[in-house]
Amino acid sequence: MVQAPDYEEFENLKRQVHEQGLELSFLRSLLLQVAWLDRAQTMKALDVSHETLRRIHLSGELRYRYKGDRPFYCIYSVRDYLIGKKISPEVAQRRVLAALFDSPNEKPTKAKRNGWTDATK
């Protein structure tokens, strides 16, 4: 037998769905504003050297644009490239977001590259 939620529980669920929708809208607008990664961020997300990024760039596998003489790479293109290299979508997203929001001087450990965090910190 199917049991329907009572009014109070239904209103609580409705409020939670509304809050999640607002959060999703905020994150989408945030990512649309920062939809491009610089060279260092892209190298960090892909976990590649400068030379390897140059080869990927020249092969046309990533969407990019120039601002002055500096290339910027599309976040979605970087994520799709990672997924195409047999990296799970969840890990690919975490790597792109980590490259975008982590400090530029921090070198990622293998655990961080795979999307794990250090529980001791």
N, C-alpha and C. Protein backbone atom coordinates (compact mmCIF):
# COMPACT_ATOMS: atom_id res chain seq x y z
N MET A 1 0.84 -1.16 0.00
CA MET A 1 0.00 0.00 0.00
C MET A 1 0.90 1.25 0.00
N VAL A 2 0.52 2.22 -0.80
CA VAL A 2 1.28 3.47 -0.90
C VAL A 2 0.83 4.41 0.22
N GLN A 3 1.80 4.97 0.91
CA GLN A 3 1.48 5.90 1.99
C GLN A 3 1.88 7.30 1.57
N ALA A 4 0.94 8.21 1.57
CA ALA A 4 1.19 9.60 1.19
C ALA A 4 1.76 10.36 2.38
N PRO A 5 2.69 11.29 2.13
CA PRO A 5 3.22 12.08 3.25
C PRO A 5 2.15 13.03 3.80
N ASP A 6 2.25 13.33 5.08
CA ASP A 6 1.29 14.28 5.64
C ASP A 6 1.64 15.69 5.15
N TYR A 7 0.76 16.63 5.44
CA TYR A 7 0.90 17.99 4.92
C TYR A 7 2.22 18.63 5.35
N GLU A 8 2.58 18.47 6.61
CA GLU A 8 3.80 19.08 7.13
C GLU A 8 5.05 18.51 6.43
N GLU A 9 5.08 17.20 6.27
CA GLU A 9 6.21 16.56 5.60
C GLU A 9 6.28 17.00 4.13
N PHE A 10 5.11 17.10 3.49
CA PHE A 10 5.05 17.52 2.10
C PHE A 10 5.58 18.95 1.94
N GLU A 11 5.18 19.84 2.82
CA GLU A 11 5.65 21.23 2.77
C GLU A 11 7.16 21.30 3.00
N ASN A 12 7.67 20.47 3.89
CA ASN A 12 9.11 20.43 4.15
C ASN A 12 9.86 19.96 2.89
N LEU A 13 9.36 18.92 2.25
CA LEU A 13 9.98 18.42 1.01
C LEU A 13 9.91 19.47 -0.09
N LYS A 14 8.79 20.16 -0.19
CA LYS A 14 8.63 21.21 -1.19
C LYS A 14 9.65 22.33 -0.96
N ARG A 15 9.84 22.70 0.30
CA ARG A 15 10.81 23.75 0.64
C ARG A 15 12.23 23.30 0.28
N GLN A 16 12.56 22.04 0.56
CA GLN A 16 13.89 21.51 0.25
C GLN A 16 14.14 21.51 -1.26
N VAL A 17 13.14 21.12 -2.04
CA VAL A 17 13.28 21.12 -3.49
C VAL A 17 13.50 22.55 -3.99
N HIS A 18 12.76 23.50 -3.43
CA HIS A 18 12.91 24.90 -3.82
C HIS A 18 14.32 25.40 -3.49
N GLU A 19 14.82 25.08 -2.30
CA GLU A 19 16.17 25.50 -1.90
C GLU A 19 17.23 24.88 -2.81
N GLN A 20 17.06 23.62 -3.16
CA GLN A 20 18.01 22.96 -4.06
C GLN A 20 17.98 23.62 -5.44
N GLY A 21 16.79 24.01 -5.90
CA GLY A 21 16.67 24.71 -7.18
C GLY A 21 17.41 26.04 -7.15
N LEU A 22 17.28 26.78 -6.06
CA LEU A 22 18.00 28.05 -5.93
C LEU A 22 19.51 27.83 -5.92
N GLU A 23 19.94 26.80 -5.20
CA GLU A 23 21.37 26.49 -5.14
C GLU A 23 21.90 26.11 -6.52
N LEU A 24 21.14 25.31 -7.26
CA LEU A 24 21.55 24.92 -8.60
C LEU A 24 21.62 26.13 -9.52
N SER A 25 20.65 27.02 -9.43
CA SER A 25 20.68 28.24 -10.25
C SER A 25 21.91 29.09 -9.94
N PHE A 26 22.23 29.21 -8.65
CA PHE A 26 23.41 29.98 -8.24
C PHE A 26 24.68 29.36 -8.82
N LEU A 27 24.83 28.05 -8.68
CA LEU A 27 26.04 27.38 -9.18
C LEU A 27 26.14 27.47 -10.69
N ARG A 28 25.02 27.35 -11.39
CA ARG A 28 25.05 27.48 -12.85
C ARG A 28 25.50 28.88 -13.26
N SER A 29 24.95 29.90 -12.61
CA SER A 29 25.34 31.27 -12.97
C SER A 29 26.80 31.51 -12.64
N LEU A 30 27.27 30.94 -11.53
CA LEU A 30 28.68 31.08 -11.16
C LEU A 30 29.58 30.44 -12.22
N LEU A 31 29.24 29.24 -12.64
CA LEU A 31 30.06 28.56 -13.64
C LEU A 31 29.99 29.24 -14.99
N LEU A 32 28.86 29.84 -15.33
CA LEU A 32 28.78 30.54 -16.61
C LEU A 32 29.69 31.76 -16.62
N GLN A 33 29.90 32.36 -15.45
CA GLN A 33 30.78 33.53 -15.38
C GLN A 33 32.25 33.12 -15.47
N VAL A 34 32.56 31.94 -15.02
CA VAL A 34 33.95 31.47 -15.03
C VAL A 34 34.05 30.22 -15.90
N ALA A 35 33.56 30.31 -17.10
CA ALA A 35 33.50 29.14 -17.98
C ALA A 35 34.81 28.87 -18.69
N TRP A 36 35.86 29.62 -18.36
CA TRP A 36 37.14 29.46 -19.04
C TRP A 36 38.25 29.28 -18.02
N LEU A 37 39.15 28.33 -18.28
CA LEU A 37 40.30 28.07 -17.42
C LEU A 37 41.56 28.60 -18.10
N ASP A 38 42.47 29.17 -17.31
CA ASP A 38 43.74 29.59 -17.90
C ASP A 38 44.63 28.36 -18.09
N ARG A 39 45.82 28.57 -18.61
CA ARG A 39 46.72 27.46 -18.93
C ARG A 39 47.07 26.64 -17.68
N ALA A 40 47.42 27.31 -16.58
CA ALA A 40 47.82 26.60 -15.36
C ALA A 40 46.66 25.78 -14.80
N GLN A 41 45.47 26.36 -14.78
CA GLN A 41 44.30 25.64 -14.28
C GLN A 41 44.00 24.42 -15.15
N THR A 42 44.12 24.59 -16.46
CA THR A 42 43.86 23.48 -17.38
C THR A 42 44.87 22.36 -17.19
N MET A 43 46.15 22.73 -17.04
CA MET A 43 47.18 21.72 -16.79
C MET A 43 46.89 20.96 -15.49
N LYS A 44 46.42 21.68 -14.48
CA LYS A 44 46.10 21.05 -13.21
C LYS A 44 44.91 20.10 -13.36
N ALA A 45 43.87 20.54 -14.04
CA ALA A 45 42.68 19.69 -14.21
C ALA A 45 43.00 18.43 -15.00
N LEU A 46 43.81 18.59 -16.04
CA LEU A 46 44.15 17.44 -16.89
C LEU A 46 45.31 16.62 -16.32
N ASP A 47 46.02 17.19 -15.35
CA ASP A 47 47.21 16.57 -14.76
C ASP A 47 48.24 16.27 -15.85
N VAL A 48 48.55 17.31 -16.63
CA VAL A 48 49.51 17.18 -17.73
C VAL A 48 50.56 18.28 -17.62
N SER A 49 51.65 18.10 -18.35
CA SER A 49 52.71 19.11 -18.40
C SER A 49 52.34 20.19 -19.42
N HIS A 50 53.15 21.24 -19.42
CA HIS A 50 52.95 22.34 -20.37
C HIS A 50 53.03 21.81 -21.81
N GLU A 51 54.01 20.96 -22.07
CA GLU A 51 54.20 20.42 -23.42
C GLU A 51 53.03 19.54 -23.85
N THR A 52 52.51 18.73 -22.94
CA THR A 52 51.36 17.88 -23.28
C THR A 52 50.13 18.73 -23.56
N LEU A 53 49.93 19.77 -22.75
CA LEU A 53 48.80 20.67 -23.01
C LEU A 53 48.96 21.34 -24.37
N ARG A 54 50.17 21.70 -24.72
CA ARG A 54 50.41 22.31 -26.03
C ARG A 54 50.03 21.35 -27.16
N ARG A 55 50.39 20.07 -27.01
CA ARG A 55 50.02 19.08 -28.03
C ARG A 55 48.51 18.91 -28.12
N ILE A 56 47.83 18.88 -26.97
CA ILE A 56 46.37 18.76 -26.96
C ILE A 56 45.76 19.99 -27.62
N HIS A 57 46.30 21.15 -27.30
CA HIS A 57 45.83 22.42 -27.86
C HIS A 57 45.96 22.40 -29.39
N LEU A 58 47.13 22.02 -29.88
CA LEU A 58 47.37 22.01 -31.32
C LEU A 58 46.53 20.96 -32.05
N SER A 59 46.17 19.89 -31.35
CA SER A 59 45.36 18.84 -31.98
C SER A 59 43.89 19.25 -32.11
N GLY A 60 43.51 20.33 -31.40
CA GLY A 60 42.13 20.81 -31.48
C GLY A 60 41.15 20.03 -30.62
N GLU A 61 41.65 19.28 -29.65
CA GLU A 61 40.77 18.47 -28.81
C GLU A 61 40.06 19.29 -27.73
N LEU A 62 40.54 20.50 -27.46
CA LEU A 62 39.92 21.38 -26.47
C LEU A 62 39.47 22.67 -27.15
N ARG A 63 38.30 23.14 -26.74
CA ARG A 63 37.84 24.45 -27.22
C ARG A 63 38.58 25.52 -26.45
N TYR A 64 39.04 26.54 -27.14
CA TYR A 64 39.80 27.60 -26.48
C TYR A 64 39.53 28.93 -27.17
N ARG A 65 39.94 29.98 -26.47
CA ARG A 65 39.92 31.33 -27.04
C ARG A 65 41.13 32.05 -26.47
N TYR A 66 41.48 33.11 -27.12
CA TYR A 66 42.62 33.90 -26.65
C TYR A 66 42.13 35.22 -26.05
N LYS A 67 42.79 35.62 -24.98
CA LYS A 67 42.61 36.96 -24.42
C LYS A 67 44.01 37.56 -24.45
N GLY A 68 44.23 38.45 -25.40
CA GLY A 68 45.59 38.92 -25.66
C GLY A 68 46.34 37.77 -26.29
N ASP A 69 47.47 37.40 -25.69
CA ASP A 69 48.22 36.27 -26.23
C ASP A 69 48.11 35.02 -25.34
N ARG A 70 47.18 35.06 -24.38
CA ARG A 70 47.01 33.93 -23.45
C ARG A 70 45.81 33.08 -23.84
N PRO A 71 45.99 31.76 -23.97
CA PRO A 71 44.84 30.90 -24.27
C PRO A 71 44.03 30.61 -23.01
N PHE A 72 42.73 30.53 -23.17
CA PHE A 72 41.81 30.11 -22.12
C PHE A 72 40.99 28.95 -22.67
N TYR A 73 40.78 27.94 -21.83
CA TYR A 73 40.14 26.71 -22.28
C TYR A 73 38.75 26.59 -21.65
N CYS A 74 37.80 26.13 -22.45
CA CYS A 74 36.41 25.98 -22.01
C CYS A 74 36.32 24.88 -20.95
N ILE A 75 35.68 25.19 -19.83
CA ILE A 75 35.52 24.23 -18.74
C ILE A 75 34.86 22.95 -19.24
N TYR A 76 33.81 23.10 -20.02
CA TYR A 76 33.05 21.94 -20.48
C TYR A 76 33.88 21.09 -21.44
N SER A 77 34.70 21.73 -22.23
CA SER A 77 35.58 21.02 -23.14
C SER A 77 36.63 20.21 -22.36
N VAL A 78 37.17 20.80 -21.30
CA VAL A 78 38.15 20.11 -20.46
C VAL A 78 37.50 18.91 -19.78
N ARG A 79 36.30 19.12 -19.24
CA ARG A 79 35.58 18.02 -18.58
C ARG A 79 35.29 16.89 -19.57
N ASP A 80 34.80 17.24 -20.76
CA ASP A 80 34.49 16.22 -21.77
C ASP A 80 35.74 15.48 -22.23
N TYR A 81 36.86 16.19 -22.31
CA TYR A 81 38.13 15.55 -22.68
C TYR A 81 38.50 14.49 -21.64
N LEU A 82 38.37 14.85 -20.36
CA LEU A 82 38.68 13.89 -19.29
C LEU A 82 37.76 12.67 -19.36
N ILE A 83 36.48 12.92 -19.57
CA ILE A 83 35.52 11.81 -19.67
C ILE A 83 35.88 10.92 -20.86
N GLY A 84 36.31 11.53 -21.95
CA GLY A 84 36.73 10.77 -23.12
C GLY A 84 37.97 9.93 -22.87
N LYS A 85 38.74 10.29 -21.85
CA LYS A 85 39.94 9.53 -21.48
C LYS A 85 39.62 8.49 -20.40
N LYS A 86 38.36 8.09 -20.32
CA LYS A 86 37.90 7.03 -19.41
C LYS A 86 37.98 7.41 -17.93
N ILE A 87 37.83 8.69 -17.64
CA ILE A 87 37.74 9.16 -16.26
C ILE A 87 36.26 9.36 -15.98
N SER A 88 35.80 8.88 -14.83
CA SER A 88 34.37 8.96 -14.54
C SER A 88 33.91 10.42 -14.53
N PRO A 89 32.65 10.67 -14.90
CA PRO A 89 32.15 12.05 -14.92
C PRO A 89 32.28 12.76 -13.57
N GLU A 90 32.07 12.03 -12.48
CA GLU A 90 32.16 12.64 -11.15
C GLU A 90 33.59 13.12 -10.86
N VAL A 91 34.55 12.27 -11.16
CA VAL A 91 35.96 12.63 -10.92
C VAL A 91 36.37 13.76 -11.86
N ALA A 92 35.91 13.71 -13.11
CA ALA A 92 36.24 14.77 -14.08
C ALA A 92 35.72 16.11 -13.57
N GLN A 93 34.49 16.14 -13.08
CA GLN A 93 33.92 17.39 -12.56
C GLN A 93 34.71 17.88 -11.36
N ARG A 94 35.06 16.97 -10.46
CA ARG A 94 35.83 17.38 -9.27
C ARG A 94 37.19 17.94 -9.65
N ARG A 95 37.84 17.33 -10.63
CA ARG A 95 39.16 17.82 -11.05
C ARG A 95 39.06 19.21 -11.67
N VAL A 96 38.03 19.44 -12.49
CA VAL A 96 37.86 20.76 -13.11
C VAL A 96 37.56 21.80 -12.04
N LEU A 97 36.65 21.48 -11.13
CA LEU A 97 36.31 22.44 -10.07
C LEU A 97 37.49 22.68 -9.13
N ALA A 98 38.26 21.64 -8.84
CA ALA A 98 39.45 21.81 -7.98
C ALA A 98 40.45 22.73 -8.66
N ALA A 99 40.65 22.55 -9.95
CA ALA A 99 41.58 23.41 -10.69
C ALA A 99 41.08 24.85 -10.69
N LEU A 100 39.79 25.02 -10.75
CA LEU A 100 39.20 26.35 -10.80
C LEU A 100 39.29 27.06 -9.45
N PHE A 101 39.04 26.35 -8.36
CA PHE A 101 38.90 27.01 -7.06
C PHE A 101 40.05 26.79 -6.09
N ASP A 102 40.95 25.82 -6.32
CA ASP A 102 42.08 25.60 -5.41
C ASP A 102 43.12 26.69 -5.60
N SER A 103 43.99 26.80 -4.59
CA SER A 103 45.05 27.80 -4.70
C SER A 103 46.00 27.41 -5.82
N PRO A 104 46.52 28.37 -6.58
CA PRO A 104 47.34 28.06 -7.73
C PRO A 104 48.70 27.44 -7.38
N ASN A 105 49.19 27.63 -6.17
CA ASN A 105 50.51 27.12 -5.81
C ASN A 105 50.48 25.72 -5.21
N GLU A 106 49.29 25.22 -4.91
CA GLU A 106 49.18 23.91 -4.27
C GLU A 106 49.32 22.81 -5.31
N LYS A 107 50.24 21.88 -5.08
CA LYS A 107 50.41 20.75 -5.99
C LYS A 107 49.48 19.64 -5.52
N PRO A 108 48.65 19.09 -6.42
CA PRO A 108 47.72 18.05 -5.99
C PRO A 108 48.43 16.72 -5.76
N THR A 109 47.97 16.01 -4.76
CA THR A 109 48.47 14.66 -4.54
C THR A 109 47.67 13.72 -5.43
N LYS A 110 48.11 12.48 -5.53
CA LYS A 110 47.37 11.53 -6.35
C LYS A 110 45.95 11.37 -5.82
N ALA A 111 45.78 11.36 -4.50
CA ALA A 111 44.44 11.22 -3.93
C ALA A 111 43.57 12.40 -4.33
N LYS A 112 44.12 13.61 -4.30
CA LYS A 112 43.34 14.78 -4.68
C LYS A 112 43.00 14.76 -6.16
N ARG A 113 43.93 14.30 -6.99
CA ARG A 113 43.65 14.23 -8.43
C ARG A 113 42.48 13.29 -8.70
N ASN A 114 42.34 12.27 -7.88
CA ASN A 114 41.26 11.32 -8.07
C ASN A 114 39.98 11.76 -7.38
N GLY A 115 39.98 12.94 -6.81
CA GLY A 115 38.77 13.49 -6.22
C GLY A 115 38.60 13.21 -4.74
N TRP A 116 39.62 12.66 -4.08
CA TRP A 116 39.52 12.39 -2.66
C TRP A 116 40.07 13.56 -1.88
N THR A 117 39.64 13.68 -0.65
CA THR A 117 40.18 14.72 0.21
C THR A 117 40.86 14.07 1.40
N ASP A 118 41.77 14.80 2.01
CA ASP A 118 42.50 14.31 3.16
C ASP A 118 41.65 14.51 4.40
N ALA A 119 41.26 13.44 5.06
CA ALA A 119 40.39 13.51 6.22
C ALA A 119 41.11 14.02 7.46
N THR A 120 42.43 14.10 7.43
CA THR A 120 43.17 14.53 8.62
C THR A 120 43.22 16.03 8.75
N LYS A 121 42.86 16.76 7.71
CA LYS A 121 42.95 18.22 7.78
C LYS A 121 41.69 18.82 8.32
